[in-house]
Full PDB file with SEQRES, HELIX, SHEET, SSBOND, CRYST1, ORIGX, SCALE, CONECT and MASTER records, all heavy atoms in Angstrom:
SEQRES   1 A   37  GLU VAL GLU GLN HIS GLU TRP ALA LYS ALA GLN LYS ARG          
SEQRES   2 A   37  SER GLY THR LEU ILE GLU ASN GLU ILE ARG MET CYS ARG          
SEQRES   3 A   37  GLN ALA LEU THR LYS LEU ARG SER SER THR PRO                  
HELIX    1 AA1 GLN A    4  SER A   34  1                                  31    
CRYST1    1.000    1.000    1.000  90.00  90.00  90.00 P 1           1          
ORIGX1      1.000000  0.000000  0.000000        0.00000                         
ORIGX2      0.000000  1.000000  0.000000        0.00000                         
ORIGX3      0.000000  0.000000  1.000000        0.00000                         
SCALE1      1.000000  0.000000  0.000000        0.00000                         
SCALE2      0.000000  1.000000  0.000000        0.00000                         
SCALE3      0.000000  0.000000  1.000000        0.00000                         
ATOM      1  N   GLU A   1       6.024   8.845  -7.214  1.00  0.00           N  
ATOM      2  CA  GLU A   1       6.674   9.965  -6.532  1.00  0.00           C  
ATOM      3  C   GLU A   1       6.008  10.178  -5.172  1.00  0.00           C  
ATOM      4  O   GLU A   1       4.793  10.338  -5.087  1.00  0.00           O  
ATOM      5  CB  GLU A   1       6.567  11.231  -7.373  1.00  0.00           C  
ATOM      6  CG  GLU A   1       7.298  11.148  -8.713  1.00  0.00           C  
ATOM      7  CD  GLU A   1       7.177  12.429  -9.507  1.00  0.00           C  
ATOM      8  OE1 GLU A   1       6.487  13.358  -8.998  1.00  0.00           O  
ATOM      9  OE2 GLU A   1       7.739  12.500 -10.604  1.00  0.00           O  
ATOM     10  N   VAL A   2       6.828  10.179  -4.142  1.00  0.00           N  
ATOM     11  CA  VAL A   2       6.335  10.280  -2.763  1.00  0.00           C  
ATOM     12  C   VAL A   2       6.984  11.486  -2.108  1.00  0.00           C  
ATOM     13  O   VAL A   2       8.204  11.647  -2.140  1.00  0.00           O  
ATOM     14  CB  VAL A   2       6.656   9.005  -1.959  1.00  0.00           C  
ATOM     15  CG1 VAL A   2       6.083   9.111  -0.552  1.00  0.00           C  
ATOM     16  CG2 VAL A   2       6.112   7.773  -2.665  1.00  0.00           C  
ATOM     17  N   GLU A   3       6.163  12.347  -1.529  1.00  0.00           N  
ATOM     18  CA  GLU A   3       6.661  13.483  -0.764  1.00  0.00           C  
ATOM     19  C   GLU A   3       6.870  13.088   0.701  1.00  0.00           C  
ATOM     20  O   GLU A   3       6.351  12.069   1.170  1.00  0.00           O  
ATOM     21  CB  GLU A   3       5.670  14.644  -0.853  1.00  0.00           C  
ATOM     22  CG  GLU A   3       5.416  15.136  -2.270  1.00  0.00           C  
ATOM     23  CD  GLU A   3       6.638  15.792  -2.895  1.00  0.00           C  
ATOM     24  OE1 GLU A   3       7.502  16.260  -2.106  1.00  0.00           O  
ATOM     25  OE2 GLU A   3       6.726  15.827  -4.128  1.00  0.00           O  
ATOM     26  N   GLN A   4       7.600  13.933   1.414  1.00  0.00           N  
ATOM     27  CA  GLN A   4       7.929  13.617   2.802  1.00  0.00           C  
ATOM     28  C   GLN A   4       6.686  13.642   3.687  1.00  0.00           C  
ATOM     29  O   GLN A   4       6.528  12.793   4.582  1.00  0.00           O  
ATOM     30  CB  GLN A   4       8.978  14.600   3.332  1.00  0.00           C  
ATOM     31  CG  GLN A   4       9.454  14.306   4.747  1.00  0.00           C  
ATOM     32  CD  GLN A   4      10.119  12.950   4.877  1.00  0.00           C  
ATOM     33  OE1 GLN A   4      10.824  12.512   3.973  1.00  0.00           O  
ATOM     34  NE2 GLN A   4       9.896  12.279   5.998  1.00  0.00           N  
ATOM     35  N   HIS A   5       5.794  14.602   3.464  1.00  0.00           N  
ATOM     36  CA  HIS A   5       4.576  14.655   4.286  1.00  0.00           C  
ATOM     37  C   HIS A   5       3.662  13.470   4.002  1.00  0.00           C  
ATOM     38  O   HIS A   5       3.001  12.943   4.903  1.00  0.00           O  
ATOM     39  CB  HIS A   5       3.845  15.982   4.050  1.00  0.00           C  
ATOM     40  CG  HIS A   5       3.275  16.128   2.663  1.00  0.00           C  
ATOM     41  ND1 HIS A   5       4.040  16.547   1.586  1.00  0.00           N  
ATOM     42  CD2 HIS A   5       2.031  15.896   2.172  1.00  0.00           C  
ATOM     43  CE1 HIS A   5       3.286  16.588   0.502  1.00  0.00           C  
ATOM     44  NE2 HIS A   5       2.076  16.191   0.817  1.00  0.00           N  
ATOM     45  N   GLU A   6       3.615  13.004   2.745  1.00  0.00           N  
ATOM     46  CA  GLU A   6       2.844  11.802   2.438  1.00  0.00           C  
ATOM     47  C   GLU A   6       3.449  10.578   3.121  1.00  0.00           C  
ATOM     48  O   GLU A   6       2.720   9.710   3.621  1.00  0.00           O  
ATOM     49  CB  GLU A   6       2.794  11.592   0.921  1.00  0.00           C  
ATOM     50  CG  GLU A   6       2.076  12.688   0.165  1.00  0.00           C  
ATOM     51  CD  GLU A   6       2.133  12.484  -1.333  1.00  0.00           C  
ATOM     52  OE1 GLU A   6       2.932  11.635  -1.785  1.00  0.00           O  
ATOM     53  OE2 GLU A   6       1.382  13.172  -2.051  1.00  0.00           O  
ATOM     54  N   TRP A   7       4.777  10.512   3.135  1.00  0.00           N  
ATOM     55  CA  TRP A   7       5.443   9.388   3.792  1.00  0.00           C  
ATOM     56  C   TRP A   7       5.174   9.395   5.297  1.00  0.00           C  
ATOM     57  O   TRP A   7       4.958   8.326   5.907  1.00  0.00           O  
ATOM     58  CB  TRP A   7       6.938   9.458   3.512  1.00  0.00           C  
ATOM     59  CG  TRP A   7       7.708   8.293   4.043  1.00  0.00           C  
ATOM     60  CD1 TRP A   7       8.375   8.216   5.229  1.00  0.00           C  
ATOM     61  CD2 TRP A   7       7.889   7.028   3.411  1.00  0.00           C  
ATOM     62  NE1 TRP A   7       8.961   6.995   5.371  1.00  0.00           N  
ATOM     63  CE2 TRP A   7       8.689   6.238   4.269  1.00  0.00           C  
ATOM     64  CE3 TRP A   7       7.476   6.493   2.204  1.00  0.00           C  
ATOM     65  CZ2 TRP A   7       9.056   4.939   3.950  1.00  0.00           C  
ATOM     66  CZ3 TRP A   7       7.845   5.197   1.883  1.00  0.00           C  
ATOM     67  CH2 TRP A   7       8.618   4.433   2.753  1.00  0.00           C  
ATOM     68  N   ALA A   8       5.176  10.558   5.912  1.00  0.00           N  
ATOM     69  CA  ALA A   8       4.920  10.641   7.357  1.00  0.00           C  
ATOM     70  C   ALA A   8       3.492  10.201   7.688  1.00  0.00           C  
ATOM     71  O   ALA A   8       3.258   9.465   8.657  1.00  0.00           O  
ATOM     72  CB  ALA A   8       5.167  12.068   7.843  1.00  0.00           C  
ATOM     73  N   LYS A   9       2.530  10.635   6.876  1.00  0.00           N  
ATOM     74  CA  LYS A   9       1.147  10.212   7.114  1.00  0.00           C  
ATOM     75  C   LYS A   9       0.987   8.713   6.916  1.00  0.00           C  
ATOM     76  O   LYS A   9       0.278   8.036   7.686  1.00  0.00           O  
ATOM     77  CB  LYS A   9       0.213  10.974   6.172  1.00  0.00           C  
ATOM     78  CG  LYS A   9       0.090  12.452   6.475  1.00  0.00           C  
ATOM     79  CD  LYS A   9      -0.854  13.127   5.500  1.00  0.00           C  
ATOM     80  CE  LYS A   9      -0.989  14.616   5.792  1.00  0.00           C  
ATOM     81  NZ  LYS A   9      -1.885  15.287   4.810  1.00  0.00           N  
ATOM     82  N   ALA A  10       1.636   8.166   5.890  1.00  0.00           N  
ATOM     83  CA  ALA A  10       1.553   6.722   5.650  1.00  0.00           C  
ATOM     84  C   ALA A  10       2.211   5.936   6.775  1.00  0.00           C  
ATOM     85  O   ALA A  10       1.735   4.860   7.164  1.00  0.00           O  
ATOM     86  CB  ALA A  10       2.205   6.391   4.317  1.00  0.00           C  
ATOM     87  N   GLN A  11       3.306   6.458   7.327  1.00  0.00           N  
ATOM     88  CA  GLN A  11       3.955   5.790   8.452  1.00  0.00           C  
ATOM     89  C   GLN A  11       3.032   5.749   9.674  1.00  0.00           C  
ATOM     90  O   GLN A  11       2.938   4.727  10.367  1.00  0.00           O  
ATOM     91  CB  GLN A  11       5.253   6.512   8.795  1.00  0.00           C  
ATOM     92  CG  GLN A  11       6.064   5.844   9.890  1.00  0.00           C  
ATOM     93  CD  GLN A  11       7.346   6.605  10.192  1.00  0.00           C  
ATOM     94  OE1 GLN A  11       7.519   7.737   9.741  1.00  0.00           O  
ATOM     95  NE2 GLN A  11       8.237   5.998  10.959  1.00  0.00           N  
ATOM     96  N   LYS A  12       2.344   6.828   9.904  1.00  0.00           N  
ATOM     97  CA  LYS A  12       1.407   6.863  11.034  1.00  0.00           C  
ATOM     98  C   LYS A  12       0.253   5.894  10.818  1.00  0.00           C  
ATOM     99  O   LYS A  12      -0.151   5.154  11.734  1.00  0.00           O  
ATOM    100  CB  LYS A  12       0.880   8.291  11.214  1.00  0.00           C  
ATOM    101  CG  LYS A  12       0.005   8.469  12.421  1.00  0.00           C  
ATOM    102  CD  LYS A  12      -0.410   9.922  12.577  1.00  0.00           C  
ATOM    103  CE  LYS A  12      -1.305  10.110  13.798  1.00  0.00           C  
ATOM    104  NZ  LYS A  12      -1.727  11.524  13.947  1.00  0.00           N  
ATOM    105  N   ARG A  13      -0.302   5.861   9.603  1.00  0.00           N  
ATOM    106  CA  ARG A  13      -1.395   4.935   9.319  1.00  0.00           C  
ATOM    107  C   ARG A  13      -0.942   3.479   9.412  1.00  0.00           C  
ATOM    108  O   ARG A  13      -1.681   2.627   9.923  1.00  0.00           O  
ATOM    109  CB  ARG A  13      -1.972   5.220   7.935  1.00  0.00           C  
ATOM    110  CG  ARG A  13      -2.763   6.505   7.830  1.00  0.00           C  
ATOM    111  CD  ARG A  13      -3.569   6.539   6.539  1.00  0.00           C  
ATOM    112  NE  ARG A  13      -2.696   6.492   5.370  1.00  0.00           N  
ATOM    113  CZ  ARG A  13      -2.237   7.582   4.739  1.00  0.00           C  
ATOM    114  NH1 ARG A  13      -2.557   8.792   5.182  1.00  0.00           N  
ATOM    115  NH2 ARG A  13      -1.466   7.466   3.674  1.00  0.00           N  
ATOM    116  N   SER A  14       0.254   3.189   8.950  1.00  0.00           N  
ATOM    117  CA  SER A  14       0.770   1.819   9.022  1.00  0.00           C  
ATOM    118  C   SER A  14       0.974   1.390  10.467  1.00  0.00           C  
ATOM    119  O   SER A  14       0.649   0.248  10.842  1.00  0.00           O  
ATOM    120  CB  SER A  14       2.074   1.706   8.247  1.00  0.00           C  
ATOM    121  OG  SER A  14       1.885   2.039   6.887  1.00  0.00           O  
ATOM    122  N   GLY A  15       1.508   2.290  11.307  1.00  0.00           N  
ATOM    123  CA  GLY A  15       1.660   1.964  12.716  1.00  0.00           C  
ATOM    124  C   GLY A  15       0.333   1.699  13.394  1.00  0.00           C  
ATOM    125  O   GLY A  15       0.202   0.759  14.196  1.00  0.00           O  
ATOM    126  N   THR A  16      -0.668   2.508  13.072  1.00  0.00           N  
ATOM    127  CA  THR A  16      -2.008   2.285  13.645  1.00  0.00           C  
ATOM    128  C   THR A  16      -2.594   0.958  13.198  1.00  0.00           C  
ATOM    129  O   THR A  16      -3.226   0.235  13.988  1.00  0.00           O  
ATOM    130  CB  THR A  16      -2.935   3.438  13.226  1.00  0.00           C  
ATOM    131  OG1 THR A  16      -2.360   4.686  13.621  1.00  0.00           O  
ATOM    132  CG2 THR A  16      -4.302   3.294  13.883  1.00  0.00           C  
ATOM    133  N   LEU A  17      -2.381   0.609  11.920  1.00  0.00           N  
ATOM    134  CA  LEU A  17      -2.894  -0.663  11.407  1.00  0.00           C  
ATOM    135  C   LEU A  17      -2.238  -1.853  12.096  1.00  0.00           C  
ATOM    136  O   LEU A  17      -2.914  -2.827  12.472  1.00  0.00           O  
ATOM    137  CB  LEU A  17      -2.658  -0.728   9.897  1.00  0.00           C  
ATOM    138  CG  LEU A  17      -3.206  -1.962   9.169  1.00  0.00           C  
ATOM    139  CD1 LEU A  17      -4.714  -2.024   9.294  1.00  0.00           C  
ATOM    140  CD2 LEU A  17      -2.802  -1.943   7.709  1.00  0.00           C  
ATOM    141  N   ILE A  18      -0.927  -1.791  12.317  1.00  0.00           N  
ATOM    142  CA  ILE A  18      -0.243  -2.888  12.997  1.00  0.00           C  
ATOM    143  C   ILE A  18      -0.678  -2.974  14.459  1.00  0.00           C  
ATOM    144  O   ILE A  18      -0.839  -4.076  15.010  1.00  0.00           O  
ATOM    145  CB  ILE A  18       1.278  -2.701  12.860  1.00  0.00           C  
ATOM    146  CG1 ILE A  18       1.697  -2.981  11.411  1.00  0.00           C  
ATOM    147  CG2 ILE A  18       2.033  -3.630  13.806  1.00  0.00           C  
ATOM    148  CD1 ILE A  18       3.175  -2.857  11.155  1.00  0.00           C  
ATOM    149  N   GLU A  19      -0.896  -1.826  15.102  1.00  0.00           N  
ATOM    150  CA  GLU A  19      -1.389  -1.847  16.483  1.00  0.00           C  
ATOM    151  C   GLU A  19      -2.760  -2.508  16.570  1.00  0.00           C  
ATOM    152  O   GLU A  19      -3.021  -3.303  17.490  1.00  0.00           O  
ATOM    153  CB  GLU A  19      -1.453  -0.420  17.030  1.00  0.00           C  
ATOM    154  CG  GLU A  19      -0.105   0.227  17.279  1.00  0.00           C  
ATOM    155  CD  GLU A  19       0.628  -0.406  18.448  1.00  0.00           C  
ATOM    156  OE1 GLU A  19      -0.016  -1.082  19.268  1.00  0.00           O  
ATOM    157  OE2 GLU A  19       1.855  -0.217  18.527  1.00  0.00           O  
ATOM    158  N   ASN A  20      -3.621  -2.209  15.632  1.00  0.00           N  
ATOM    159  CA  ASN A  20      -4.941  -2.846  15.628  1.00  0.00           C  
ATOM    160  C   ASN A  20      -4.828  -4.348  15.383  1.00  0.00           C  
ATOM    161  O   ASN A  20      -5.556  -5.149  15.989  1.00  0.00           O  
ATOM    162  CB  ASN A  20      -5.820  -2.205  14.551  1.00  0.00           C  
ATOM    163  CG  ASN A  20      -6.170  -0.769  14.856  1.00  0.00           C  
ATOM    164  OD1 ASN A  20      -6.194  -0.360  16.020  1.00  0.00           O  
ATOM    165  ND2 ASN A  20      -6.433   0.019  13.827  1.00  0.00           N  
ATOM    166  N   GLU A  21      -3.906  -4.747  14.512  1.00  0.00           N  
ATOM    167  CA  GLU A  21      -3.712  -6.169  14.244  1.00  0.00           C  
ATOM    168  C   GLU A  21      -3.182  -6.887  15.484  1.00  0.00           C  
ATOM    169  O   GLU A  21      -3.611  -8.010  15.800  1.00  0.00           O  
ATOM    170  CB  GLU A  21      -2.740  -6.329  13.074  1.00  0.00           C  
ATOM    171  CG  GLU A  21      -2.640  -7.743  12.559  1.00  0.00           C  
ATOM    172  CD  GLU A  21      -3.854  -8.186  11.785  1.00  0.00           C  
ATOM    173  OE1 GLU A  21      -4.633  -7.316  11.370  1.00  0.00           O  
ATOM    174  OE2 GLU A  21      -4.018  -9.407  11.603  1.00  0.00           O  
ATOM    175  N   ILE A  22      -2.257  -6.258  16.208  1.00  0.00           N  
ATOM    176  CA  ILE A  22      -1.738  -6.852  17.444  1.00  0.00           C  
ATOM    177  C   ILE A  22      -2.850  -6.983  18.483  1.00  0.00           C  
ATOM    178  O   ILE A  22      -2.963  -8.005  19.182  1.00  0.00           O  
ATOM    179  CB  ILE A  22      -0.571  -6.002  17.978  1.00  0.00           C  
ATOM    180  CG1 ILE A  22       0.650  -6.141  17.060  1.00  0.00           C  
ATOM    181  CG2 ILE A  22      -0.209  -6.413  19.397  1.00  0.00           C  
ATOM    182  CD1 ILE A  22       1.798  -5.233  17.430  1.00  0.00           C  
ATOM    183  N   ARG A  23      -3.686  -5.968  18.584  1.00  0.00           N  
ATOM    184  CA  ARG A  23      -4.794  -6.033  19.551  1.00  0.00           C  
ATOM    185  C   ARG A  23      -5.766  -7.160  19.207  1.00  0.00           C  
ATOM    186  O   ARG A  23      -6.206  -7.909  20.091  1.00  0.00           O  
ATOM    187  CB  ARG A  23      -5.522  -4.680  19.561  1.00  0.00           C  
ATOM    188  CG  ARG A  23      -6.713  -4.619  20.495  1.00  0.00           C  
ATOM    189  CD  ARG A  23      -7.329  -3.234  20.461  1.00  0.00           C  
ATOM    190  NE  ARG A  23      -7.632  -2.816  19.106  1.00  0.00           N  
ATOM    191  CZ  ARG A  23      -8.718  -3.188  18.431  1.00  0.00           C  
ATOM    192  NH1 ARG A  23      -9.620  -3.992  19.005  1.00  0.00           N  
ATOM    193  NH2 ARG A  23      -8.930  -2.739  17.211  1.00  0.00           N  
ATOM    194  N   MET A  24      -6.082  -7.323  17.931  1.00  0.00           N  
ATOM    195  CA  MET A  24      -6.989  -8.404  17.527  1.00  0.00           C  
ATOM    196  C   MET A  24      -6.373  -9.772  17.781  1.00  0.00           C  
ATOM    197  O   MET A  24      -7.065 -10.708  18.222  1.00  0.00           O  
ATOM    198  CB  MET A  24      -7.333  -8.236  16.046  1.00  0.00           C  
ATOM    199  CG  MET A  24      -8.169  -7.009  15.738  1.00  0.00           C  
ATOM    200  SD  MET A  24      -8.362  -6.715  13.974  1.00  0.00           S  
ATOM    201  CE  MET A  24      -9.216  -8.186  13.456  1.00  0.00           C  
ATOM    202  N   CYS A  25      -5.068  -9.928  17.534  1.00  0.00           N  
ATOM    203  CA  CYS A  25      -4.402 -11.210  17.802  1.00  0.00           C  
ATOM    204  C   CYS A  25      -4.403 -11.516  19.295  1.00  0.00           C  
ATOM    205  O   CYS A  25      -4.624 -12.677  19.703  1.00  0.00           O  
ATOM    206  CB  CYS A  25      -2.983 -11.178  17.259  1.00  0.00           C  
ATOM    207  SG  CYS A  25      -2.863 -11.208  15.456  1.00  0.00           S  
ATOM    208  N   ARG A  26      -4.181 -10.519  20.121  1.00  0.00           N  
ATOM    209  CA  ARG A  26      -4.197 -10.751  21.566  1.00  0.00           C  
ATOM    210  C   ARG A  26      -5.590 -11.139  22.057  1.00  0.00           C  
ATOM    211  O   ARG A  26      -5.735 -12.003  22.933  1.00  0.00           O  
ATOM    212  CB  ARG A  26      -3.711  -9.497  22.286  1.00  0.00           C  
ATOM    213  CG  ARG A  26      -2.207  -9.268  22.172  1.00  0.00           C  
ATOM    214  CD  ARG A  26      -1.795  -7.959  22.807  1.00  0.00           C  
ATOM    215  NE  ARG A  26      -0.337  -7.778  22.747  1.00  0.00           N  
ATOM    216  CZ  ARG A  26       0.277  -6.660  23.095  1.00  0.00           C  
ATOM    217  NH1 ARG A  26      -0.432  -5.623  23.556  1.00  0.00           N  
ATOM    218  NH2 ARG A  26       1.590  -6.572  23.001  1.00  0.00           N  
ATOM    219  N   GLN A  27      -6.598 -10.514  21.502  1.00  0.00           N  
ATOM    220  CA  GLN A  27      -7.963 -10.883  21.892  1.00  0.00           C  
ATOM    221  C   GLN A  27      -8.286 -12.322  21.487  1.00  0.00           C  
ATOM    222  O   GLN A  27      -8.881 -13.078  22.271  1.00  0.00           O  
ATOM    223  CB  GLN A  27      -8.954  -9.915  21.237  1.00  0.00           C  
ATOM    224  CG  GLN A  27      -8.915  -8.513  21.804  1.00  0.00           C  
ATOM    225  CD  GLN A  27      -9.860  -7.579  21.092  1.00  0.00           C  
ATOM    226  OE1 GLN A  27     -10.510  -7.958  20.106  1.00  0.00           O  
ATOM    227  NE2 GLN A  27      -9.954  -6.341  21.562  1.00  0.00           N  
ATOM    228  N   ALA A  28      -7.894 -12.710  20.266  1.00  0.00           N  
ATOM    229  CA  ALA A  28      -8.131 -14.089  19.837  1.00  0.00           C  
ATOM    230  C   ALA A  28      -7.356 -15.084  20.687  1.00  0.00           C  
ATOM    231  O   ALA A  28      -7.860 -16.164  21.048  1.00  0.00           O  
ATOM    232  CB  ALA A  28      -7.759 -14.240  18.360  1.00  0.00           C  
ATOM    233  N   LEU A  29      -6.125 -14.730  21.051  1.00  0.00           N  
ATOM    234  CA  LEU A  29      -5.320 -15.619  21.886  1.00  0.00           C  
ATOM    235  C   LEU A  29      -5.919 -15.765  23.278  1.00  0.00           C  
ATOM    236  O   LEU A  29      -5.962 -16.873  23.844  1.00  0.00           O  
ATOM    237  CB  LEU A  29      -3.898 -15.067  21.968  1.00  0.00           C  
ATOM    238  CG  LEU A  29      -2.798 -15.994  22.496  1.00  0.00           C  
ATOM    239  CD1 LEU A  29      -2.671 -17.212  21.608  1.00  0.00           C  
ATOM    240  CD2 LEU A  29      -1.484 -15.247  22.578  1.00  0.00           C  
ATOM    241  N   THR A  30      -6.389 -14.679  23.840  1.00  0.00           N  
ATOM    242  CA  THR A  30      -7.028 -14.744  25.161  1.00  0.00           C  
ATOM    243  C   THR A  30      -8.305 -15.578  25.118  1.00  0.00           C  
ATOM    244  O   THR A  30      -8.586 -16.356  26.049  1.00  0.00           O  
ATOM    245  CB  THR A  30      -7.347 -13.318  25.643  1.00  0.00           C  
ATOM    246  OG1 THR A  30      -6.154 -12.538  25.648  1.00  0.00           O  
ATOM    247  CG2 THR A  30      -7.950 -13.344  27.030  1.00  0.00           C  
ATOM    248  N   LYS A  31      -9.068 -15.457  24.035  1.00  0.00           N  
ATOM    249  CA  LYS A  31     -10.298 -16.240  23.910  1.00  0.00           C  
ATOM    250  C   LYS A  31     -10.001 -17.728  23.811  1.00  0.00           C  
ATOM    251  O   LYS A  31     -10.678 -18.566  24.433  1.00  0.00           O  
ATOM    252  CB  LYS A  31     -11.061 -15.764  22.677  1.00  0.00           C  
ATOM    253  CG  LYS A  31     -12.402 -16.436  22.488  1.00  0.00           C  
ATOM    254  CD  LYS A  31     -13.122 -15.865  21.287  1.00  0.00           C  
ATOM    255  CE  LYS A  31     -14.478 -16.542  21.102  1.00  0.00           C  
ATOM    256  NZ  LYS A  31     -15.190 -16.008  19.915  1.00  0.00           N  
ATOM    257  N   LEU A  32      -8.966 -18.097  23.043  1.00  0.00           N  
ATOM    258  CA  LEU A  32      -8.615 -19.511  22.922  1.00  0.00           C  
ATOM    259  C   LEU A  32      -8.093 -20.078  24.233  1.00  0.00           C  
ATOM    260  O   LEU A  32      -8.432 -21.204  24.629  1.00  0.00           O  
ATOM    261  CB  LEU A  32      -7.564 -19.685  21.818  1.00  0.00           C  
ATOM    262  CG  LEU A  32      -8.057 -19.524  20.377  1.00  0.00           C  
ATOM    263  CD1 LEU A  32      -6.873 -19.531  19.420  1.00  0.00           C  
ATOM    264  CD2 LEU A  32      -9.044 -20.617  20.012  1.00  0.00           C  
ATOM    265  N   ARG A  33      -7.265 -19.336  24.931  1.00  0.00           N  
ATOM    266  CA  ARG A  33      -6.713 -19.826  26.190  1.00  0.00           C  
ATOM    267  C   ARG A  33      -7.756 -19.915  27.295  1.00  0.00           C  
ATOM    268  O   ARG A  33      -7.677 -20.778  28.168  1.00  0.00           O  
ATOM    269  CB  ARG A  33      -5.573 -18.922  26.632  1.00  0.00           C  
ATOM    270  CG  ARG A  33      -4.306 -19.092  25.792  1.00  0.00           C  
ATOM    271  CD  ARG A  33      -3.231 -18.119  26.212  1.00  0.00           C  
ATOM    272  NE  ARG A  33      -1.982 -18.361  25.484  1.00  0.00           N  
ATOM    273  CZ  ARG A  33      -0.915 -17.588  25.568  1.00  0.00           C  
ATOM    274  NH1 ARG A  33      -0.936 -16.507  26.358  1.00  0.00           N  
ATOM    275  NH2 ARG A  33       0.173 -17.880  24.873  1.00  0.00           N  
ATOM    276  N   SER A  34      -8.740 -19.031  27.271  1.00  0.00           N  
ATOM    277  CA  SER A  34      -9.776 -19.064  28.309  1.00  0.00           C  
ATOM    278  C   SER A  34     -10.772 -20.202  28.108  1.00  0.00           C  
ATOM    279  O   SER A  34     -11.416 -20.627  29.063  1.00  0.00           O  
ATOM    280  CB  SER A  34     -10.521 -17.721  28.336  1.00  0.00           C  
ATOM    281  OG  SER A  34     -11.162 -17.488  27.090  1.00  0.00           O  
ATOM    282  N   SER A  35     -10.900 -20.698  26.884  1.00  0.00           N  
ATOM    283  CA  SER A  35     -11.864 -21.771  26.604  1.00  0.00           C  
ATOM    284  C   SER A  35     -11.258 -23.161  26.697  1.00  0.00           C  
ATOM    285  O   SER A  35     -11.957 -24.144  26.454  1.00  0.00           O  
ATOM    286  CB  SER A  35     -12.459 -21.576  25.206  1.00  0.00           C  
ATOM    287  OG  SER A  35     -11.440 -21.628  24.222  1.00  0.00           O  
ATOM    288  N   THR A  36      -9.963 -23.272  27.037  1.00  0.00           N  
ATOM    289  CA  THR A  36      -9.281 -24.570  27.103  1.00  0.00           C  
ATOM    290  C   THR A  36      -8.439 -24.614  28.371  1.00  0.00           C  
ATOM    291  O   THR A  36      -7.797 -23.618  28.720  1.00  0.00           O  
ATOM    292  CB  THR A  36      -8.375 -24.762  25.863  1.00  0.00           C  
ATOM    293  OG1 THR A  36      -9.139 -24.530  24.690  1.00  0.00           O  
ATOM    294  CG2 THR A  36      -7.816 -26.175  25.815  1.00  0.00           C  
ATOM    295  N   PRO A  37      -8.427 -25.740  29.065  1.00  0.00           N  
ATOM    296  CA  PRO A  37      -7.536 -25.852  30.227  1.00  0.00           C  
ATOM    297  C   PRO A  37      -6.076 -25.606  29.849  1.00  0.00           C  
ATOM    298  O   PRO A  37      -5.607 -26.039  28.801  1.00  0.00           O  
ATOM    299  CB  PRO A  37      -7.758 -27.295  30.710  1.00  0.00           C  
ATOM    300  CG  PRO A  37      -9.125 -27.640  30.221  1.00  0.00           C  
ATOM    301  CD  PRO A  37      -9.289 -26.922  28.913  1.00  0.00           C  
TER     302      PRO A  37                                                      
MASTER        0    0    0    1    0    0    0    6  301    1    0    3          
END                                                                             
């Protein structure tokens, strides 16, 4: 059973988690591209 306020908090946490994952992928991509011609 999920309430609306619980769903809203989970949506915010999920968005933050995906943003952090995107930031980490971009950092790894920049590191790989900078170390190779």
